[in-house]
């Protein structure tokens, strides 16, 4: 049993690592779009294709992997926290008078808020590295960048935990819809006897869950990127808090600016979110059968 449990954990880690290696370039592109300040920005990308071409031309293939170490270090514990706390909140909420559908959404919200507390320092380092347009060989290492942030501003809300409110909003809203939509819709659509059709049913619902969650929570993601990336003017803090940043982006760049980076975000978290839920259901089913 111990061997099998370790084998399942090992498989989960390998999946996380492969997913990061394949999808991290989309995360870099998403961040670049979110931190550029409209067409007047001299470093503005014209399109998704232009962003890919410009990064490749100026920074090389490794430019797409800037900031990859923090997700590798954080992804497995992050997902463990996401799914473990979701189960715990779900159990606690079963003692309340909430309907099953609402309880699942509230449990998702709780898991997202808890997850955000764990990952925010990693996100600060990752975004600061992704925003750097120097050659991959020239920019600081992950640990050097973390030291620079701590030495300059400490561990608090201006240092290694800046953008925490935005991260709480991003993860809380995402998980609330992600879990709530998936399990409510899955229960409403009859299961299929054919294994292939059943897999496609769950994958389609998971894909919709990840896509809708990404569309709803992206203003928090944009605010997070603006706060955690280097400020437009060195020494001057323009983007301070979550809703102040959202308001400023809306005022200066328009409503659609709050949805910058949406396409690469959906390209990653639509199918990626579906696979995560399928893995979660598989592991949960395996544990229920073996424990």
C-alpha atoms as a PDB file:
ATOM      1  CA  UNK A   1       0.000   0.000   0.000  1.00  0.00           C
ATOM      2  CA  UNK A   2       2.821   2.425   0.868  1.00  0.00           C
ATOM      3  CA  UNK A   3       4.532   1.603  -2.418  1.00  0.00           C
ATOM      4  CA  UNK A   4       1.322   2.202  -4.378  1.00  0.00           C
ATOM      5  CA  UNK A   5       0.703   5.495  -2.585  1.00  0.00           C
ATOM      6  CA  UNK A   6       4.231   6.660  -3.402  1.00  0.00           C
ATOM      7  CA  UNK A   7       3.762   5.496  -6.978  1.00  0.00           C
ATOM      8  CA  UNK A   8       0.573   7.600  -7.297  1.00  0.00           C
ATOM      9  CA  UNK A   9       2.337  10.639  -5.805  1.00  0.00           C
ATOM     10  CA  UNK A  10       5.260  10.146  -8.184  1.00  0.00           C
ATOM     11  CA  UNK A  11       2.913   9.985 -11.173  1.00  0.00           C
ATOM     12  CA  UNK A  12       1.161  13.154  -9.976  1.00  0.00           C
ATOM     13  CA  UNK A  13       4.484  15.005  -9.712  1.00  0.00           C
ATOM     14  CA  UNK A  14       5.557  13.838 -13.184  1.00  0.00           C
ATOM     15  CA  UNK A  15       2.243  15.085 -14.615  1.00  0.00           C
ATOM     16  CA  UNK A  16       2.746  18.486 -12.936  1.00  0.00           C
ATOM     17  CA  UNK A  17       6.301  18.742 -14.295  1.00  0.00           C
ATOM     18  CA  UNK A  18       5.292  17.822 -17.854  1.00  0.00           C
ATOM     19  CA  UNK A  19       2.362  20.256 -17.772  1.00  0.00           C
ATOM     20  CA  UNK A  20       4.632  23.103 -16.623  1.00  0.00           C
ATOM     21  CA  UNK A  21       7.258  22.382 -19.280  1.00  0.00           C
ATOM     22  CA  UNK A  22       4.643  22.329 -22.035  1.00  0.00           C
ATOM     23  CA  UNK A  23       2.496  25.242 -20.882  1.00  0.00           C
ATOM     24  CA  UNK A  24       4.944  27.688 -19.282  1.00  0.00           C
ATOM     25  CA  UNK A  25       5.558  29.611 -22.553  1.00  0.00           C
ATOM     26  CA  UNK A  26       1.846  30.496 -22.569  1.00  0.00           C
ATOM     27  CA  UNK A  27       2.192  31.802 -19.009  1.00  0.00           C
ATOM     28  CA  UNK A  28       5.133  34.010 -20.024  1.00  0.00           C
ATOM     29  CA  UNK A  29       3.163  35.389 -22.991  1.00  0.00           C
ATOM     30  CA  UNK A  30       0.110  35.982 -20.773  1.00  0.00           C
ATOM     31  CA  UNK A  31       2.190  37.959 -18.268  1.00  0.00           C
ATOM     32  CA  UNK A  32       3.830  40.057 -21.012  1.00  0.00           C
ATOM     33  CA  UNK A  33       0.412  41.063 -22.367  1.00  0.00           C
ATOM     34  CA  UNK A  34      -0.932  41.846 -18.905  1.00  0.00           C
ATOM     35  CA  UNK A  35       1.888  44.209 -17.949  1.00  0.00           C
ATOM     36  CA  UNK A  36       2.026  46.213 -21.205  1.00  0.00           C
ATOM     37  CA  UNK A  37       0.180  49.513 -20.986  1.00  0.00           C
ATOM     38  CA  UNK A  38      -1.742  49.823 -24.245  1.00  0.00           C
ATOM     39  CA  UNK A  39      -0.604  50.586 -27.802  1.00  0.00           C
ATOM     40  CA  UNK A  40       1.346  53.619 -26.560  1.00  0.00           C
ATOM     41  CA  UNK A  41       3.690  51.310 -24.649  1.00  0.00           C
ATOM     42  CA  UNK A  42       6.954  51.271 -26.697  1.00  0.00           C
ATOM     43  CA  UNK A  43       7.328  47.569 -25.901  1.00  0.00           C
ATOM     44  CA  UNK A  44       3.770  46.707 -26.895  1.00  0.00           C
ATOM     45  CA  UNK A  45       3.142  43.459 -28.757  1.00  0.00           C
ATOM     46  CA  UNK A  46       0.842  43.704 -31.778  1.00  0.00           C
ATOM     47  CA  UNK A  47      -0.633  40.209 -31.495  1.00  0.00           C
ATOM     48  CA  UNK A  48      -0.161  36.785 -29.929  1.00  0.00           C
ATOM     49  CA  UNK A  49       1.993  35.696 -32.875  1.00  0.00           C
ATOM     50  CA  UNK A  50       4.053  38.901 -32.665  1.00  0.00           C
ATOM     51  CA  UNK A  51       4.674  38.261 -28.965  1.00  0.00           C
ATOM     52  CA  UNK A  52       5.958  34.738 -29.636  1.00  0.00           C
ATOM     53  CA  UNK A  53       8.159  35.934 -32.517  1.00  0.00           C
ATOM     54  CA  UNK A  54       9.548  38.917 -30.579  1.00  0.00           C
ATOM     55  CA  UNK A  55      10.437  36.870 -27.512  1.00  0.00           C
ATOM     56  CA  UNK A  56      12.100  34.216 -29.663  1.00  0.00           C
ATOM     57  CA  UNK A  57      14.022  36.808 -31.714  1.00  0.00           C
ATOM     58  CA  UNK A  58      15.209  38.947 -28.795  1.00  0.00           C
ATOM     59  CA  UNK A  59      15.509  36.447 -25.943  1.00  0.00           C
ATOM     60  CA  UNK A  60      15.854  33.059 -27.613  1.00  0.00           C
ATOM     61  CA  UNK A  61      13.987  29.855 -26.885  1.00  0.00           C
ATOM     62  CA  UNK A  62      14.888  30.092 -23.186  1.00  0.00           C
ATOM     63  CA  UNK A  63      12.981  33.365 -22.997  1.00  0.00           C
ATOM     64  CA  UNK A  64       9.788  31.297 -22.941  1.00  0.00           C
ATOM     65  CA  UNK A  65      10.989  29.575 -19.781  1.00  0.00           C
ATOM     66  CA  UNK A  66      11.756  32.619 -17.675  1.00  0.00           C
ATOM     67  CA  UNK A  67      10.451  32.193 -14.156  1.00  0.00           C
ATOM     68  CA  UNK A  68       9.914  28.444 -14.567  1.00  0.00           C
ATOM     69  CA  UNK A  69      11.618  27.345 -11.339  1.00  0.00           C
ATOM     70  CA  UNK A  70       9.065  28.899  -8.917  1.00  0.00           C
ATOM     71  CA  UNK A  71       6.145  26.974 -10.531  1.00  0.00           C
ATOM     72  CA  UNK A  72       8.182  23.754 -10.490  1.00  0.00           C
ATOM     73  CA  UNK A  73       8.898  24.249  -6.786  1.00  0.00           C
ATOM     74  CA  UNK A  74       5.350  25.330  -5.943  1.00  0.00           C
ATOM     75  CA  UNK A  75       3.094  23.380  -8.312  1.00  0.00           C
ATOM     76  CA  UNK A  76       2.933  20.025  -6.523  1.00  0.00           C
ATOM     77  CA  UNK A  77       2.330  21.490  -3.025  1.00  0.00           C
ATOM     78  CA  UNK A  78      -0.039  24.037  -4.592  1.00  0.00           C
ATOM     79  CA  UNK A  79      -2.196  21.352  -6.167  1.00  0.00           C
ATOM     80  CA  UNK A  80      -2.007  19.224  -3.033  1.00  0.00           C
ATOM     81  CA  UNK A  81      -3.311  22.209  -1.039  1.00  0.00           C
ATOM     82  CA  UNK A  82      -6.002  22.943  -3.662  1.00  0.00           C
ATOM     83  CA  UNK A  83      -7.532  19.478  -3.669  1.00  0.00           C
ATOM     84  CA  UNK A  84      -6.880  18.546  -0.029  1.00  0.00           C
ATOM     85  CA  UNK A  85      -8.426  21.738   1.368  1.00  0.00           C
ATOM     86  CA  UNK A  86     -11.343  21.448  -1.082  1.00  0.00           C
ATOM     87  CA  UNK A  87     -12.155  18.045   0.426  1.00  0.00           C
ATOM     88  CA  UNK A  88     -11.830  19.376   3.990  1.00  0.00           C
ATOM     89  CA  UNK A  89     -14.005  22.440   3.363  1.00  0.00           C
ATOM     90  CA  UNK A  90     -16.547  20.225   1.596  1.00  0.00           C
ATOM     91  CA  UNK A  91     -16.741  17.950   4.658  1.00  0.00           C
ATOM     92  CA  UNK A  92     -17.134  20.914   7.015  1.00  0.00           C
ATOM     93  CA  UNK A  93     -19.861  22.477   4.864  1.00  0.00           C
ATOM     94  CA  UNK A  94     -21.803  19.206   4.836  1.00  0.00           C
ATOM     95  CA  UNK A  95     -22.783  20.047   8.434  1.00  0.00           C
ATOM     96  CA  UNK A  96     -24.363  23.345   7.376  1.00  0.00           C
ATOM     97  CA  UNK A  97     -27.728  23.931   5.774  1.00  0.00           C
ATOM     98  CA  UNK A  98     -26.217  24.912   2.442  1.00  0.00           C
ATOM     99  CA  UNK A  99     -27.407  23.146  -0.684  1.00  0.00           C
ATOM    100  CA  UNK A 100     -24.919  20.719  -2.230  1.00  0.00           C
ATOM    101  CA  UNK A 101     -24.312  22.983  -5.223  1.00  0.00           C
ATOM    102  CA  UNK A 102     -23.625  26.059  -3.103  1.00  0.00           C
ATOM    103  CA  UNK A 103     -21.490  24.087  -0.640  1.00  0.00           C
ATOM    104  CA  UNK A 104     -19.257  22.891  -3.482  1.00  0.00           C
ATOM    105  CA  UNK A 105     -18.743  26.465  -4.701  1.00  0.00           C
ATOM    106  CA  UNK A 106     -17.990  27.759  -1.192  1.00  0.00           C
ATOM    107  CA  UNK A 107     -15.560  24.867  -0.632  1.00  0.00           C
ATOM    108  CA  UNK A 108     -13.868  25.839  -3.900  1.00  0.00           C
ATOM    109  CA  UNK A 109     -13.625  29.458  -2.734  1.00  0.00           C
ATOM    110  CA  UNK A 110     -12.028  28.347   0.549  1.00  0.00           C
ATOM    111  CA  UNK A 111      -9.528  26.101  -1.220  1.00  0.00           C
ATOM    112  CA  UNK A 112      -8.573  28.928  -3.586  1.00  0.00           C
ATOM    113  CA  UNK A 113      -7.972  31.401  -0.770  1.00  0.00           C
ATOM    114  CA  UNK A 114      -5.829  28.863   1.093  1.00  0.00           C
ATOM    115  CA  UNK A 115      -3.905  28.002  -2.073  1.00  0.00           C
ATOM    116  CA  UNK A 116      -3.209  31.697  -2.722  1.00  0.00           C
ATOM    117  CA  UNK A 117      -1.491  32.108   0.647  1.00  0.00           C
ATOM    118  CA  UNK A 118       0.896  29.287  -0.257  1.00  0.00           C
ATOM    119  CA  UNK A 119       1.772  30.324  -3.817  1.00  0.00           C
ATOM    120  CA  UNK A 120       1.916  34.135  -3.647  1.00  0.00           C
ATOM    121  CA  UNK A 121       5.650  34.471  -2.806  1.00  0.00           C
ATOM    122  CA  UNK A 122       6.466  32.109  -5.696  1.00  0.00           C
ATOM    123  CA  UNK A 123       4.236  34.191  -7.983  1.00  0.00           C
ATOM    124  CA  UNK A 124       6.045  37.413  -7.045  1.00  0.00           C
ATOM    125  CA  UNK A 125       9.405  35.938  -8.030  1.00  0.00           C
ATOM    126  CA  UNK A 126       8.005  34.291 -11.173  1.00  0.00           C
ATOM    127  CA  UNK A 127       6.304  37.439 -12.522  1.00  0.00           C
ATOM    128  CA  UNK A 128       9.352  39.616 -11.850  1.00  0.00           C
ATOM    129  CA  UNK A 129      11.471  37.174 -13.884  1.00  0.00           C
ATOM    130  CA  UNK A 130       8.903  36.875 -16.677  1.00  0.00           C
ATOM    131  CA  UNK A 131       8.749  40.659 -17.019  1.00  0.00           C
ATOM    132  CA  UNK A 132      12.509  40.852 -17.582  1.00  0.00           C
ATOM    133  CA  UNK A 133      13.248  41.219 -21.327  1.00  0.00           C
ATOM    134  CA  UNK A 134      16.983  40.686 -21.062  1.00  0.00           C
ATOM    135  CA  UNK A 135      18.623  37.555 -22.394  1.00  0.00           C
ATOM    136  CA  UNK A 136      17.982  34.466 -20.291  1.00  0.00           C
ATOM    137  CA  UNK A 137      21.732  34.210 -19.621  1.00  0.00           C
ATOM    138  CA  UNK A 138      21.942  37.798 -18.364  1.00  0.00           C
ATOM    139  CA  UNK A 139      18.961  37.987 -16.002  1.00  0.00           C
ATOM    140  CA  UNK A 140      19.271  36.988 -12.309  1.00  0.00           C
ATOM    141  CA  UNK A 141      18.626  33.427 -11.206  1.00  0.00           C
ATOM    142  CA  UNK A 142      15.436  32.578  -9.326  1.00  0.00           C
ATOM    143  CA  UNK A 143      17.162  32.584  -5.952  1.00  0.00           C
ATOM    144  CA  UNK A 144      19.089  35.775  -6.706  1.00  0.00           C
ATOM    145  CA  UNK A 145      15.851  37.494  -7.705  1.00  0.00           C
ATOM    146  CA  UNK A 146      14.155  36.326  -4.494  1.00  0.00           C
ATOM    147  CA  UNK A 147      17.084  37.705  -2.471  1.00  0.00           C
ATOM    148  CA  UNK A 148      16.884  41.012  -4.358  1.00  0.00           C
ATOM    149  CA  UNK A 149      13.169  41.354  -3.540  1.00  0.00           C
ATOM    150  CA  UNK A 150      13.685  40.453   0.133  1.00  0.00           C
ATOM    151  CA  UNK A 151      16.699  42.759   0.538  1.00  0.00           C
ATOM    152  CA  UNK A 152      14.848  45.670  -1.073  1.00  0.00           C
ATOM    153  CA  UNK A 153      11.385  45.304   0.451  1.00  0.00           C
ATOM    154  CA  UNK A 154      11.330  42.364   2.877  1.00  0.00           C
ATOM    155  CA  UNK A 155       8.749  39.605   3.164  1.00  0.00           C
ATOM    156  CA  UNK A 156       5.680  41.812   3.575  1.00  0.00           C
ATOM    157  CA  UNK A 157       3.044  43.255   1.255  1.00  0.00           C
ATOM    158  CA  UNK A 158       5.600  45.458  -0.493  1.00  0.00           C
ATOM    159  CA  UNK A 159       8.103  42.643  -0.889  1.00  0.00           C
ATOM    160  CA  UNK A 160       7.775  38.891  -1.273  1.00  0.00           C
ATOM    161  CA  UNK A 161       4.028  38.995  -0.591  1.00  0.00           C
ATOM    162  CA  UNK A 162       3.014  41.967  -2.706  1.00  0.00           C
ATOM    163  CA  UNK A 163      -0.133  41.466  -4.720  1.00  0.00           C
ATOM    164  CA  UNK A 164      -1.540  39.088  -2.106  1.00  0.00           C
ATOM    165  CA  UNK A 165      -5.085  40.490  -2.316  1.00  0.00           C
ATOM    166  CA  UNK A 166      -5.076  40.066  -6.094  1.00  0.00           C
ATOM    167  CA  UNK A 167      -3.770  36.515  -5.750  1.00  0.00           C
ATOM    168  CA  UNK A 168      -6.501  35.748  -3.202  1.00  0.00           C
ATOM    169  CA  UNK A 169      -9.084  37.081  -5.649  1.00  0.00           C
ATOM    170  CA  UNK A 170      -7.589  35.218  -8.590  1.00  0.00           C
ATOM    171  CA  UNK A 171      -7.430  31.826  -6.899  1.00  0.00           C
ATOM    172  CA  UNK A 172     -10.597  32.230  -4.830  1.00  0.00           C
ATOM    173  CA  UNK A 173     -12.793  33.161  -7.796  1.00  0.00           C
ATOM    174  CA  UNK A 174     -11.185  30.572 -10.068  1.00  0.00           C
ATOM    175  CA  UNK A 175     -11.618  27.646  -7.672  1.00  0.00           C
ATOM    176  CA  UNK A 176     -15.131  28.704  -6.662  1.00  0.00           C
ATOM    177  CA  UNK A 177     -16.325  28.473 -10.273  1.00  0.00           C
ATOM    178  CA  UNK A 178     -13.960  25.645 -11.245  1.00  0.00           C
ATOM    179  CA  UNK A 179     -15.156  23.187  -8.619  1.00  0.00           C
ATOM    180  CA  UNK A 180     -18.719  24.462  -8.352  1.00  0.00           C
ATOM    181  CA  UNK A 181     -19.392  24.361 -12.097  1.00  0.00           C
ATOM    182  CA  UNK A 182     -17.676  21.019 -12.694  1.00  0.00           C
ATOM    183  CA  UNK A 183     -19.367  18.977  -9.991  1.00  0.00           C
ATOM    184  CA  UNK A 184     -22.804  20.567 -10.380  1.00  0.00           C
ATOM    185  CA  UNK A 185     -22.875  20.168 -14.166  1.00  0.00           C
ATOM    186  CA  UNK A 186     -21.331  16.682 -14.010  1.00  0.00           C
ATOM    187  CA  UNK A 187     -24.103  15.527 -11.683  1.00  0.00           C
ATOM    188  CA  UNK A 188     -26.745  17.078 -13.941  1.00  0.00           C
ATOM    189  CA  UNK A 189     -25.550  15.319 -17.122  1.00  0.00           C
ATOM    190  CA  UNK A 190     -26.089  11.537 -17.067  1.00  0.00           C
ATOM    191  CA  UNK A 191     -22.973   9.366 -17.029  1.00  0.00           C
ATOM    192  CA  UNK A 192     -22.143   7.246 -20.084  1.00  0.00           C
ATOM    193  CA  UNK A 193     -21.657   3.496 -20.034  1.00  0.00           C
ATOM    194  CA  UNK A 194     -19.022   3.630 -22.762  1.00  0.00           C
ATOM    195  CA  UNK A 195     -15.622   4.492 -21.145  1.00  0.00           C
ATOM    196  CA  UNK A 196     -14.551   6.699 -24.061  1.00  0.00           C
ATOM    197  CA  UNK A 197     -17.799   8.692 -24.042  1.00  0.00           C
ATOM    198  CA  UNK A 198     -17.610   8.998 -20.251  1.00  0.00           C
ATOM    199  CA  UNK A 199     -14.054  10.339 -20.493  1.00  0.00           C
ATOM    200  CA  UNK A 200     -15.139  12.842 -23.157  1.00  0.00           C
ATOM    201  CA  UNK A 201     -18.131  13.915 -21.022  1.00  0.00           C
ATOM    202  CA  UNK A 202     -15.920  14.657 -18.018  1.00  0.00           C
ATOM    203  CA  UNK A 203     -13.206  16.267 -20.132  1.00  0.00           C
ATOM    204  CA  UNK A 204     -15.715  18.580 -21.866  1.00  0.00           C
ATOM    205  CA  UNK A 205     -17.191  19.682 -18.530  1.00  0.00           C
ATOM    206  CA  UNK A 206     -13.694  20.194 -17.104  1.00  0.00           C
ATOM    207  CA  UNK A 207     -12.680  22.186 -20.192  1.00  0.00           C
ATOM    208  CA  UNK A 208     -15.736  24.427 -19.755  1.00  0.00           C
ATOM    209  CA  UNK A 209     -14.940  24.801 -16.032  1.00  0.00           C
ATOM    210  CA  UNK A 210     -11.364  25.927 -16.667  1.00  0.00           C
ATOM    211  CA  UNK A 211     -12.399  28.253 -19.503  1.00  0.00           C
ATOM    212  CA  UNK A 212     -15.258  29.973 -17.653  1.00  0.00           C
ATOM    213  CA  UNK A 213     -13.165  30.322 -14.481  1.00  0.00           C
ATOM    214  CA  UNK A 214     -10.359  31.930 -16.491  1.00  0.00           C
ATOM    215  CA  UNK A 215     -12.738  34.410 -18.127  1.00  0.00           C
ATOM    216  CA  UNK A 216     -14.220  35.495 -14.796  1.00  0.00           C
ATOM    217  CA  UNK A 217     -11.050  35.774 -12.725  1.00  0.00           C
ATOM    218  CA  UNK A 218      -8.708  37.407 -15.245  1.00  0.00           C
ATOM    219  CA  UNK A 219      -9.166  41.016 -13.993  1.00  0.00           C
ATOM    220  CA  UNK A 220      -7.614  39.832 -10.715  1.00  0.00           C
ATOM    221  CA  UNK A 221      -4.821  38.203 -12.725  1.00  0.00           C
ATOM    222  CA  UNK A 222      -4.117  41.438 -14.617  1.00  0.00           C
ATOM    223  CA  UNK A 223      -4.035  43.398 -11.343  1.00  0.00           C
ATOM    224  CA  UNK A 224      -1.697  40.805  -9.829  1.00  0.00           C
ATOM    225  CA  UNK A 225       0.719  41.021 -12.755  1.00  0.00           C
ATOM    226  CA  UNK A 226       0.769  44.846 -12.665  1.00  0.00           C
ATOM    227  CA  UNK A 227       1.470  44.897  -8.921  1.00  0.00           C
ATOM    228  CA  UNK A 228       4.080  42.129  -8.912  1.00  0.00           C
ATOM    229  CA  UNK A 229       5.961  43.194 -12.064  1.00  0.00           C
ATOM    230  CA  UNK A 230       8.399  46.140 -12.016  1.00  0.00           C
ATOM    231  CA  UNK A 231       6.536  49.449 -11.820  1.00  0.00           C
ATOM    232  CA  UNK A 232       6.418  51.679 -14.941  1.00  0.00           C
ATOM    233  CA  UNK A 233       8.574  54.367 -13.304  1.00  0.00           C
ATOM    234  CA  UNK A 234      11.463  53.137 -11.111  1.00  0.00           C
ATOM    235  CA  UNK A 235      11.093  54.304  -7.524  1.00  0.00           C
ATOM    236  CA  UNK A 236       7.405  55.198  -7.965  1.00  0.00           C
ATOM    237  CA  UNK A 237       4.666  52.757  -6.973  1.00  0.00           C
ATOM    238  CA  UNK A 238       1.782  53.194  -9.387  1.00  0.00           C
ATOM    239  CA  UNK A 239      -0.074  49.916  -8.864  1.00  0.00           C
ATOM    240  CA  UNK A 240      -0.639  49.475  -5.138  1.00  0.00           C
ATOM    241  CA  UNK A 241      -3.732  47.415  -4.339  1.00  0.00           C
ATOM    242  CA  UNK A 242      -6.020  45.049  -6.203  1.00  0.00           C
ATOM    243  CA  UNK A 243      -9.065  47.223  -6.837  1.00  0.00           C
ATOM    244  CA  UNK A 244      -7.038  50.446  -7.130  1.00  0.00           C
ATOM    245  CA  UNK A 245      -5.059  48.759  -9.919  1.00  0.00           C
ATOM    246  CA  UNK A 246      -8.202  47.494 -11.654  1.00  0.00           C
ATOM    247  CA  UNK A 247      -9.670  50.990 -11.531  1.00  0.00           C
ATOM    248  CA  UNK A 248      -6.489  52.564 -12.861  1.00  0.00           C
ATOM    249  CA  UNK A 249      -6.199  50.076 -15.729  1.00  0.00           C
ATOM    250  CA  UNK A 250      -9.863  50.649 -16.646  1.00  0.00           C
ATOM    251  CA  UNK A 251      -9.498  54.438 -16.450  1.00  0.00           C
ATOM    252  CA  UNK A 252      -6.291  54.650 -18.520  1.00  0.00           C
ATOM    253  CA  UNK A 253      -6.671  51.745 -20.963  1.00  0.00           C
ATOM    254  CA  UNK A 254     -10.351  50.842 -21.091  1.00  0.00           C
ATOM    255  CA  UNK A 255     -12.479  47.870 -20.025  1.00  0.00           C
ATOM    256  CA  UNK A 256     -10.855  45.342 -22.378  1.00  0.00           C
ATOM    257  CA  UNK A 257      -7.455  45.977 -20.779  1.00  0.00           C
ATOM    258  CA  UNK A 258      -8.731  44.022 -17.765  1.00  0.00           C
ATOM    259  CA  UNK A 259      -8.842  40.974 -20.041  1.00  0.00           C
ATOM    260  CA  UNK A 260      -5.304  41.153 -21.399  1.00  0.00           C
ATOM    261  CA  UNK A 261      -3.686  37.752 -21.732  1.00  0.00           C
ATOM    262  CA  UNK A 262      -7.045  35.950 -21.805  1.00  0.00           C
ATOM    263  CA  UNK A 263      -6.312  33.823 -24.895  1.00  0.00           C
ATOM    264  CA  UNK A 264      -3.028  32.259 -23.648  1.00  0.00           C
ATOM    265  CA  UNK A 265      -4.625  31.862 -20.213  1.00  0.00           C
ATOM    266  CA  UNK A 266      -7.538  29.885 -21.683  1.00  0.00           C
ATOM    267  CA  UNK A 267      -5.165  27.899 -23.903  1.00  0.00           C
ATOM    268  CA  UNK A 268      -3.397  26.765 -20.746  1.00  0.00           C
ATOM    269  CA  UNK A 269      -6.105  26.468 -18.106  1.00  0.00           C
ATOM    270  CA  UNK A 270      -8.942  25.202 -20.315  1.00  0.00           C
ATOM    271  CA  UNK A 271      -7.453  21.803 -21.196  1.00  0.00           C
ATOM    272  CA  UNK A 272      -5.055  21.888 -18.229  1.00  0.00           C
ATOM    273  CA  UNK A 273      -7.954  22.428 -15.828  1.00  0.00           C
ATOM    274  CA  UNK A 274      -9.862  19.541 -17.391  1.00  0.00           C
ATOM    275  CA  UNK A 275      -6.916  17.169 -16.992  1.00  0.00           C
ATOM    276  CA  UNK A 276      -6.391  18.264 -13.364  1.00  0.00           C
ATOM    277  CA  UNK A 277      -9.987  17.424 -12.497  1.00  0.00           C
ATOM    278  CA  UNK A 278      -9.778  14.043 -14.214  1.00  0.00           C
ATOM    279  CA  UNK A 279      -6.557  13.234 -12.332  1.00  0.00           C
ATOM    280  CA  UNK A 280      -8.205  14.381  -9.088  1.00  0.00           C
ATOM    281  CA  UNK A 281     -11.204  12.127  -9.666  1.00  0.00           C
ATOM    282  CA  UNK A 282      -8.963   9.191 -10.551  1.00  0.00           C
ATOM    283  CA  UNK A 283      -6.800   9.628  -7.441  1.00  0.00           C
ATOM    284  CA  UNK A 284      -9.876  10.169  -5.215  1.00  0.00           C
ATOM    285  CA  UNK A 285     -11.485   7.023  -6.595  1.00  0.00           C
ATOM    286  CA  UNK A 286      -8.290   5.044  -6.096  1.00  0.00           C
ATOM    287  CA  UNK A 287      -7.958   6.236  -2.482  1.00  0.00           C
ATOM    288  CA  UNK A 288     -11.604   5.439  -1.724  1.00  0.00           C
ATOM    289  CA  UNK A 289     -11.124   1.906  -3.001  1.00  0.00           C
ATOM    290  CA  UNK A 290      -7.832   1.257  -1.235  1.00  0.00           C
ATOM    291  CA  UNK A 291      -8.284   2.967   2.134  1.00  0.00           C
END
